[in-house]
Amino acid sequence: MRWCTYYVNSSLLIFSLCGCSSFAPKDDNLFAQAPLSPEVSDAIPQSCIGTTQVPVELVGQFEAVDDEALLHLALGEPTKGKLCQGQVYLSKDRSHITIYRAWNSTNPNSAMGQWWAFNQPVGKVSRYRADYEICYEWSPLDTLTRCTLRPGTKVVIGTGQSAECSEHLTYPISAEPQMYIVDASTVVSDCTTYDSEFSWN
């Protein structure tokens, strides 16, 4: 059983289900965006696109909460990456939320990083990098981890800030929703890791 993601340029990478390993960490209503304080609002450029609402398929799994300190950790300045806009949410009791993180296998410490996606990566790596503002210098994105977010976890959901990778490449702001998590290793479970493989077309 295999699924395809991407490869730099015109090829694809395939994440194989063979030889997967697992992490063992430590132990219906659509929610409107909660109003932000003037300080936080001023930090969010008006050019942000997309929404900070929970993705439709996860309505009922989160509730909006206030945590300005956590929100500020997730927001970034133009060309510096992180989030352009965001809202803090709490995963509800009995929630079951699957999240994904593509990372750098040569740096095992990056497996449980702060940035996660709601959808399994598909398509070209160049498109994925643009959607999530991930410079190649930051990660080759050759490994994928799928986990379940624990109930009662605070996260920031938002859309990406622009990121300047070099004088020749800057990713613009994005409407793709992503999630910021502090200390992910303590708030995820049932993790499975997939390795990438080349597939030339």
C-alpha atoms as a PDB file:
ATOM      1  CA  MET A   1       0.000   0.000   0.000  1.00  0.00           C
ATOM      2  CA  ARG A   2       1.544   3.321  -1.102  1.00  0.00           C
ATOM      3  CA  TRP A   3       0.552   6.913  -1.653  1.00  0.00           C
ATOM      4  CA  CYS A   4       2.238   9.592  -3.738  1.00  0.00           C
ATOM      5  CA  THR A   5       3.399  12.983  -2.769  1.00  0.00           C
ATOM      6  CA  TYR A   6       6.039  14.912  -4.673  1.00  0.00           C
ATOM      7  CA  TYR A   7       9.614  15.528  -5.843  1.00  0.00           C
ATOM      8  CA  VAL A   8      11.477  18.732  -6.635  1.00  0.00           C
ATOM      9  CA  ASN A   9      10.947  19.832 -10.252  1.00  0.00           C
ATOM     10  CA  SER A  10       8.598  17.617 -12.266  1.00  0.00           C
ATOM     11  CA  SER A  11       8.920  14.261 -10.527  1.00  0.00           C
ATOM     12  CA  LEU A  12       7.084  12.689  -7.622  1.00  0.00           C
ATOM     13  CA  LEU A  13       8.017  11.235  -4.263  1.00  0.00           C
ATOM     14  CA  ILE A  14       6.212   8.219  -2.853  1.00  0.00           C
ATOM     15  CA  PHE A  15       5.878   7.737   0.877  1.00  0.00           C
ATOM     16  CA  SER A  16       6.019   3.981   1.453  1.00  0.00           C
ATOM     17  CA  LEU A  17       4.042   2.183   4.135  1.00  0.00           C
ATOM     18  CA  CYS A  18       6.777  -0.445   4.330  1.00  0.00           C
ATOM     19  CA  GLY A  19       9.006  -0.442   7.360  1.00  0.00           C
ATOM     20  CA  CYS A  20       7.014   2.156   9.255  1.00  0.00           C
ATOM     21  CA  SER A  21       7.952   3.015  12.796  1.00  0.00           C
ATOM     22  CA  SER A  22       5.839   4.472  15.563  1.00  0.00           C
ATOM     23  CA  PHE A  23       6.437   7.201  18.103  1.00  0.00           C
ATOM     24  CA  ALA A  24       5.478   6.559  21.693  1.00  0.00           C
ATOM     25  CA  PRO A  25       5.090  10.013  23.208  1.00  0.00           C
ATOM     26  CA  LYS A  26       4.404  10.683  26.871  1.00  0.00           C
ATOM     27  CA  ASP A  27       1.856   9.977  28.201  1.00  0.00           C
ATOM     28  CA  ASP A  28     -22.197  21.216  15.368  1.00  0.00           C
ATOM     29  CA  ASN A  29     -21.671  24.364  14.974  1.00  0.00           C
ATOM     30  CA  LEU A  30     -19.154  26.262  12.916  1.00  0.00           C
ATOM     31  CA  PHE A  31     -17.022  28.271  15.312  1.00  0.00           C
ATOM     32  CA  ALA A  32     -16.643  31.930  14.465  1.00  0.00           C
ATOM     33  CA  GLN A  33     -13.235  33.512  14.909  1.00  0.00           C
ATOM     34  CA  ALA A  34     -12.948  35.018  18.365  1.00  0.00           C
ATOM     35  CA  PRO A  35     -12.183  38.757  18.398  1.00  0.00           C
ATOM     36  CA  LEU A  36      -8.509  39.561  18.820  1.00  0.00           C
ATOM     37  CA  SER A  37      -7.030  42.242  21.050  1.00  0.00           C
ATOM     38  CA  PRO A  38      -5.871  45.489  19.390  1.00  0.00           C
ATOM     39  CA  GLU A  39      -2.241  44.460  19.963  1.00  0.00           C
ATOM     40  CA  VAL A  40      -2.695  41.155  18.137  1.00  0.00           C
ATOM     41  CA  SER A  41      -4.857  42.684  15.423  1.00  0.00           C
ATOM     42  CA  ASP A  42      -2.206  45.308  14.710  1.00  0.00           C
ATOM     43  CA  ALA A  43       0.384  42.544  14.278  1.00  0.00           C
ATOM     44  CA  ILE A  44      -1.630  40.909  11.486  1.00  0.00           C
ATOM     45  CA  PRO A  45      -1.111  42.465   8.036  1.00  0.00           C
ATOM     46  CA  GLN A  46      -4.295  43.241   6.131  1.00  0.00           C
ATOM     47  CA  SER A  47      -2.921  41.296   3.159  1.00  0.00           C
ATOM     48  CA  CYS A  48      -3.411  37.908   4.848  1.00  0.00           C
ATOM     49  CA  ILE A  49      -5.608  35.566   2.825  1.00  0.00           C
ATOM     50  CA  GLY A  50      -7.733  32.553   3.727  1.00  0.00           C
ATOM     51  CA  THR A  51      -9.419  32.001   7.082  1.00  0.00           C
ATOM     52  CA  THR A  52      -8.520  31.154  10.658  1.00  0.00           C
ATOM     53  CA  GLN A  53     -11.660  29.072  11.111  1.00  0.00           C
ATOM     54  CA  VAL A  54     -11.459  25.335  11.696  1.00  0.00           C
ATOM     55  CA  PRO A  55     -11.539  23.310   8.438  1.00  0.00           C
ATOM     56  CA  VAL A  56     -15.081  22.221   7.616  1.00  0.00           C
ATOM     57  CA  GLU A  57     -14.351  18.532   8.119  1.00  0.00           C
ATOM     58  CA  LEU A  58     -13.215  19.247  11.697  1.00  0.00           C
ATOM     59  CA  VAL A  59     -16.129  21.398  12.798  1.00  0.00           C
ATOM     60  CA  GLY A  60     -17.151  20.214  16.265  1.00  0.00           C
ATOM     61  CA  GLN A  61     -13.638  18.969  17.103  1.00  0.00           C
ATOM     62  CA  PHE A  62     -12.317  22.350  18.335  1.00  0.00           C
ATOM     63  CA  GLU A  63     -13.518  25.358  20.284  1.00  0.00           C
ATOM     64  CA  ALA A  64     -12.060  28.864  19.945  1.00  0.00           C
ATOM     65  CA  VAL A  65     -10.280  30.202  23.040  1.00  0.00           C
ATOM     66  CA  ASP A  66      -8.218  33.270  23.974  1.00  0.00           C
ATOM     67  CA  ASP A  67      -4.458  32.953  24.491  1.00  0.00           C
ATOM     68  CA  GLU A  68      -2.618  36.014  23.187  1.00  0.00           C
ATOM     69  CA  ALA A  69       0.795  34.739  24.299  1.00  0.00           C
ATOM     70  CA  LEU A  70       0.411  31.524  22.287  1.00  0.00           C
ATOM     71  CA  LEU A  71      -0.934  33.424  19.292  1.00  0.00           C
ATOM     72  CA  HIS A  72       2.060  35.759  19.265  1.00  0.00           C
ATOM     73  CA  LEU A  73       4.424  32.765  19.202  1.00  0.00           C
ATOM     74  CA  ALA A  74       2.792  31.565  15.975  1.00  0.00           C
ATOM     75  CA  LEU A  75       2.612  34.893  14.119  1.00  0.00           C
ATOM     76  CA  GLY A  76       5.515  35.986  11.910  1.00  0.00           C
ATOM     77  CA  GLU A  77       6.639  39.141  10.190  1.00  0.00           C
ATOM     78  CA  PRO A  78       6.442  39.381   6.381  1.00  0.00           C
ATOM     79  CA  THR A  79       9.150  37.282   4.631  1.00  0.00           C
ATOM     80  CA  LYS A  80      10.006  35.538   7.947  1.00  0.00           C
ATOM     81  CA  GLY A  81       7.601  32.595   7.735  1.00  0.00           C
ATOM     82  CA  LYS A  82       5.292  31.350  10.533  1.00  0.00           C
ATOM     83  CA  LEU A  83       1.627  32.460  10.341  1.00  0.00           C
ATOM     84  CA  CYS A  84       0.227  35.586   8.743  1.00  0.00           C
ATOM     85  CA  GLN A  85      -2.963  35.293  10.822  1.00  0.00           C
ATOM     86  CA  GLY A  86      -4.205  32.840  13.427  1.00  0.00           C
ATOM     87  CA  GLN A  87      -6.729  31.859  16.068  1.00  0.00           C
ATOM     88  CA  VAL A  88      -6.142  29.762  19.187  1.00  0.00           C
ATOM     89  CA  TYR A  89      -8.302  26.646  19.550  1.00  0.00           C
ATOM     90  CA  LEU A  90      -8.709  23.869  22.103  1.00  0.00           C
ATOM     91  CA  SER A  91      -9.309  20.323  20.905  1.00  0.00           C
ATOM     92  CA  LYS A  92     -12.505  19.043  22.529  1.00  0.00           C
ATOM     93  CA  ASP A  93     -12.992  16.025  24.747  1.00  0.00           C
ATOM     94  CA  ARG A  94     -13.471  12.849  22.686  1.00  0.00           C
ATOM     95  CA  SER A  95     -12.116  14.595  19.605  1.00  0.00           C
ATOM     96  CA  HIS A  96     -10.224  12.545  17.031  1.00  0.00           C
ATOM     97  CA  ILE A  97      -8.029  14.762  14.864  1.00  0.00           C
ATOM     98  CA  THR A  98      -5.428  13.371  12.463  1.00  0.00           C
ATOM     99  CA  ILE A  99      -2.520  15.673  11.630  1.00  0.00           C
ATOM    100  CA  TYR A 100       0.558  15.396   9.405  1.00  0.00           C
ATOM    101  CA  ARG A 101       4.115  16.688   9.472  1.00  0.00           C
ATOM    102  CA  ALA A 102       6.687  16.446   6.666  1.00  0.00           C
ATOM    103  CA  TRP A 103      10.225  16.737   8.040  1.00  0.00           C
ATOM    104  CA  ASN A 104      13.961  16.139   7.638  1.00  0.00           C
ATOM    105  CA  SER A 105      15.104  12.572   8.299  1.00  0.00           C
ATOM    106  CA  THR A 106      18.711  13.687   8.811  1.00  0.00           C
ATOM    107  CA  ASN A 107      17.544  15.641  11.863  1.00  0.00           C
ATOM    108  CA  PRO A 108      15.470  13.273  14.033  1.00  0.00           C
ATOM    109  CA  ASN A 109      14.792  16.116  16.471  1.00  0.00           C
ATOM    110  CA  SER A 110      12.628  17.776  13.812  1.00  0.00           C
ATOM    111  CA  ALA A 111      10.099  14.923  13.782  1.00  0.00           C
ATOM    112  CA  MET A 112       8.042  16.507  16.547  1.00  0.00           C
ATOM    113  CA  GLY A 113       8.358  20.104  15.380  1.00  0.00           C
ATOM    114  CA  GLN A 114       5.856  22.928  15.768  1.00  0.00           C
ATOM    115  CA  TRP A 115       4.271  23.050  12.307  1.00  0.00           C
ATOM    116  CA  TRP A 116       1.593  20.545  11.218  1.00  0.00           C
ATOM    117  CA  ALA A 117      -0.963  20.157   8.431  1.00  0.00           C
ATOM    118  CA  PHE A 118      -4.492  18.781   8.393  1.00  0.00           C
ATOM    119  CA  ASN A 119      -4.141  17.004   5.053  1.00  0.00           C
ATOM    120  CA  GLN A 120      -1.908  14.223   3.800  1.00  0.00           C
ATOM    121  CA  PRO A 121       0.581  15.706   1.301  1.00  0.00           C
ATOM    122  CA  VAL A 122      -0.080  14.971  -2.365  1.00  0.00           C
ATOM    123  CA  GLY A 123       1.307  16.347  -5.612  1.00  0.00           C
ATOM    124  CA  LYS A 124       4.575  18.128  -6.314  1.00  0.00           C
ATOM    125  CA  VAL A 125       6.937  19.130  -3.537  1.00  0.00           C
ATOM    126  CA  SER A 126       7.255  22.594  -5.076  1.00  0.00           C
ATOM    127  CA  ARG A 127       3.520  23.147  -4.608  1.00  0.00           C
ATOM    128  CA  TYR A 128       3.652  21.854  -1.038  1.00  0.00           C
ATOM    129  CA  ARG A 129       6.565  24.160  -0.205  1.00  0.00           C
ATOM    130  CA  ALA A 130       4.662  27.149  -1.587  1.00  0.00           C
ATOM    131  CA  ASP A 131       1.461  26.236   0.275  1.00  0.00           C
ATOM    132  CA  TYR A 132       3.267  25.949   3.612  1.00  0.00           C
ATOM    133  CA  GLU A 133       6.196  28.365   3.002  1.00  0.00           C
ATOM    134  CA  ILE A 134       8.923  25.774   3.594  1.00  0.00           C
ATOM    135  CA  CYS A 135      12.332  26.743   2.214  1.00  0.00           C
ATOM    136  CA  TYR A 136      14.537  23.879   1.022  1.00  0.00           C
ATOM    137  CA  GLU A 137      17.261  25.119   3.359  1.00  0.00           C
ATOM    138  CA  TRP A 138      14.899  24.427   6.255  1.00  0.00           C
ATOM    139  CA  SER A 139      14.040  20.841   5.289  1.00  0.00           C
ATOM    140  CA  PRO A 140      14.250  18.409   2.347  1.00  0.00           C
ATOM    141  CA  LEU A 141      10.808  17.049   3.400  1.00  0.00           C
ATOM    142  CA  ASP A 142      11.830  13.433   2.895  1.00  0.00           C
ATOM    143  CA  THR A 143       9.872  11.906   5.784  1.00  0.00           C
ATOM    144  CA  LEU A 144       6.242  12.116   6.865  1.00  0.00           C
ATOM    145  CA  THR A 145       4.676  11.537  10.274  1.00  0.00           C
ATOM    146  CA  ARG A 146       0.953  11.053  10.854  1.00  0.00           C
ATOM    147  CA  CYS A 147      -0.378  11.433  14.404  1.00  0.00           C
ATOM    148  CA  THR A 148      -3.545  11.938  16.408  1.00  0.00           C
ATOM    149  CA  LEU A 149      -3.877  15.176  18.373  1.00  0.00           C
ATOM    150  CA  ARG A 150      -4.824  14.579  21.999  1.00  0.00           C
ATOM    151  CA  PRO A 151      -8.068  16.084  23.347  1.00  0.00           C
ATOM    152  CA  GLY A 152      -7.582  19.153  25.513  1.00  0.00           C
ATOM    153  CA  THR A 153      -4.673  20.531  23.467  1.00  0.00           C
ATOM    154  CA  LYS A 154      -4.266  24.212  22.650  1.00  0.00           C
ATOM    155  CA  VAL A 155      -3.119  24.952  19.101  1.00  0.00           C
ATOM    156  CA  VAL A 156      -3.045  27.904  16.726  1.00  0.00           C
ATOM    157  CA  ILE A 157      -4.782  27.479  13.377  1.00  0.00           C
ATOM    158  CA  GLY A 158      -4.038  29.984  10.650  1.00  0.00           C
ATOM    159  CA  THR A 159      -2.616  30.701   7.217  1.00  0.00           C
ATOM    160  CA  GLY A 160       1.003  31.144   6.225  1.00  0.00           C
ATOM    161  CA  GLN A 161       3.134  34.274   6.262  1.00  0.00           C
ATOM    162  CA  SER A 162       5.484  34.951   3.353  1.00  0.00           C
ATOM    163  CA  ALA A 163       8.989  33.463   3.594  1.00  0.00           C
ATOM    164  CA  GLU A 164      12.180  34.679   1.936  1.00  0.00           C
ATOM    165  CA  CYS A 165      14.394  31.683   1.225  1.00  0.00           C
ATOM    166  CA  SER A 166      17.067  33.514  -0.780  1.00  0.00           C
ATOM    167  CA  GLU A 167      17.492  36.548  -3.017  1.00  0.00           C
ATOM    168  CA  HIS A 168      16.031  34.415  -5.815  1.00  0.00           C
ATOM    169  CA  LEU A 169      13.077  32.810  -4.029  1.00  0.00           C
ATOM    170  CA  THR A 170      10.378  34.202  -1.755  1.00  0.00           C
ATOM    171  CA  TYR A 171       7.163  32.303  -1.061  1.00  0.00           C
ATOM    172  CA  PRO A 172       4.119  34.601  -0.873  1.00  0.00           C
ATOM    173  CA  ILE A 173       1.422  34.465   1.799  1.00  0.00           C
ATOM    174  CA  SER A 174      -0.790  31.391   1.558  1.00  0.00           C
ATOM    175  CA  ALA A 175      -4.428  30.538   2.185  1.00  0.00           C
ATOM    176  CA  GLU A 176      -3.591  26.940   3.123  1.00  0.00           C
ATOM    177  CA  PRO A 177      -4.571  26.195   6.751  1.00  0.00           C
ATOM    178  CA  GLN A 178      -1.856  24.926   9.059  1.00  0.00           C
ATOM    179  CA  MET A 179      -1.399  24.319  12.748  1.00  0.00           C
ATOM    180  CA  TYR A 180       1.148  25.548  15.289  1.00  0.00           C
ATOM    181  CA  ILE A 181       1.768  23.259  18.292  1.00  0.00           C
ATOM    182  CA  VAL A 182       4.076  23.839  21.243  1.00  0.00           C
ATOM    183  CA  ASP A 183       5.930  20.690  22.412  1.00  0.00           C
ATOM    184  CA  ALA A 184       4.152  18.327  20.022  1.00  0.00           C
ATOM    185  CA  SER A 185       5.751  15.208  21.512  1.00  0.00           C
ATOM    186  CA  THR A 186       3.569  15.573  24.617  1.00  0.00           C
ATOM    187  CA  VAL A 187       0.237  16.169  22.857  1.00  0.00           C
ATOM    188  CA  VAL A 188       0.167  13.653  19.987  1.00  0.00           C
ATOM    189  CA  SER A 189      -0.301   9.887  19.964  1.00  0.00           C
ATOM    190  CA  ASP A 190      -0.614   6.904  17.605  1.00  0.00           C
ATOM    191  CA  CYS A 191       2.152   8.246  15.367  1.00  0.00           C
ATOM    192  CA  THR A 192       3.312   6.445  12.225  1.00  0.00           C
ATOM    193  CA  THR A 193       6.280   7.464  10.078  1.00  0.00           C
ATOM    194  CA  TYR A 194       6.596   7.039   6.300  1.00  0.00           C
ATOM    195  CA  ASP A 195       9.755   7.222   4.177  1.00  0.00           C
ATOM    196  CA  SER A 196       9.875   8.813   0.724  1.00  0.00           C
ATOM    197  CA  GLU A 197      11.030   7.187  -2.513  1.00  0.00           C
ATOM    198  CA  PHE A 198      11.710   8.485  -6.024  1.00  0.00           C
ATOM    199  CA  SER A 199       9.234   7.938  -8.831  1.00  0.00           C
ATOM    200  CA  TRP A 200      10.235   9.256 -12.278  1.00  0.00           C
ATOM    201  CA  ASN A 201       7.564  10.005 -14.907  1.00  0.00           C
END
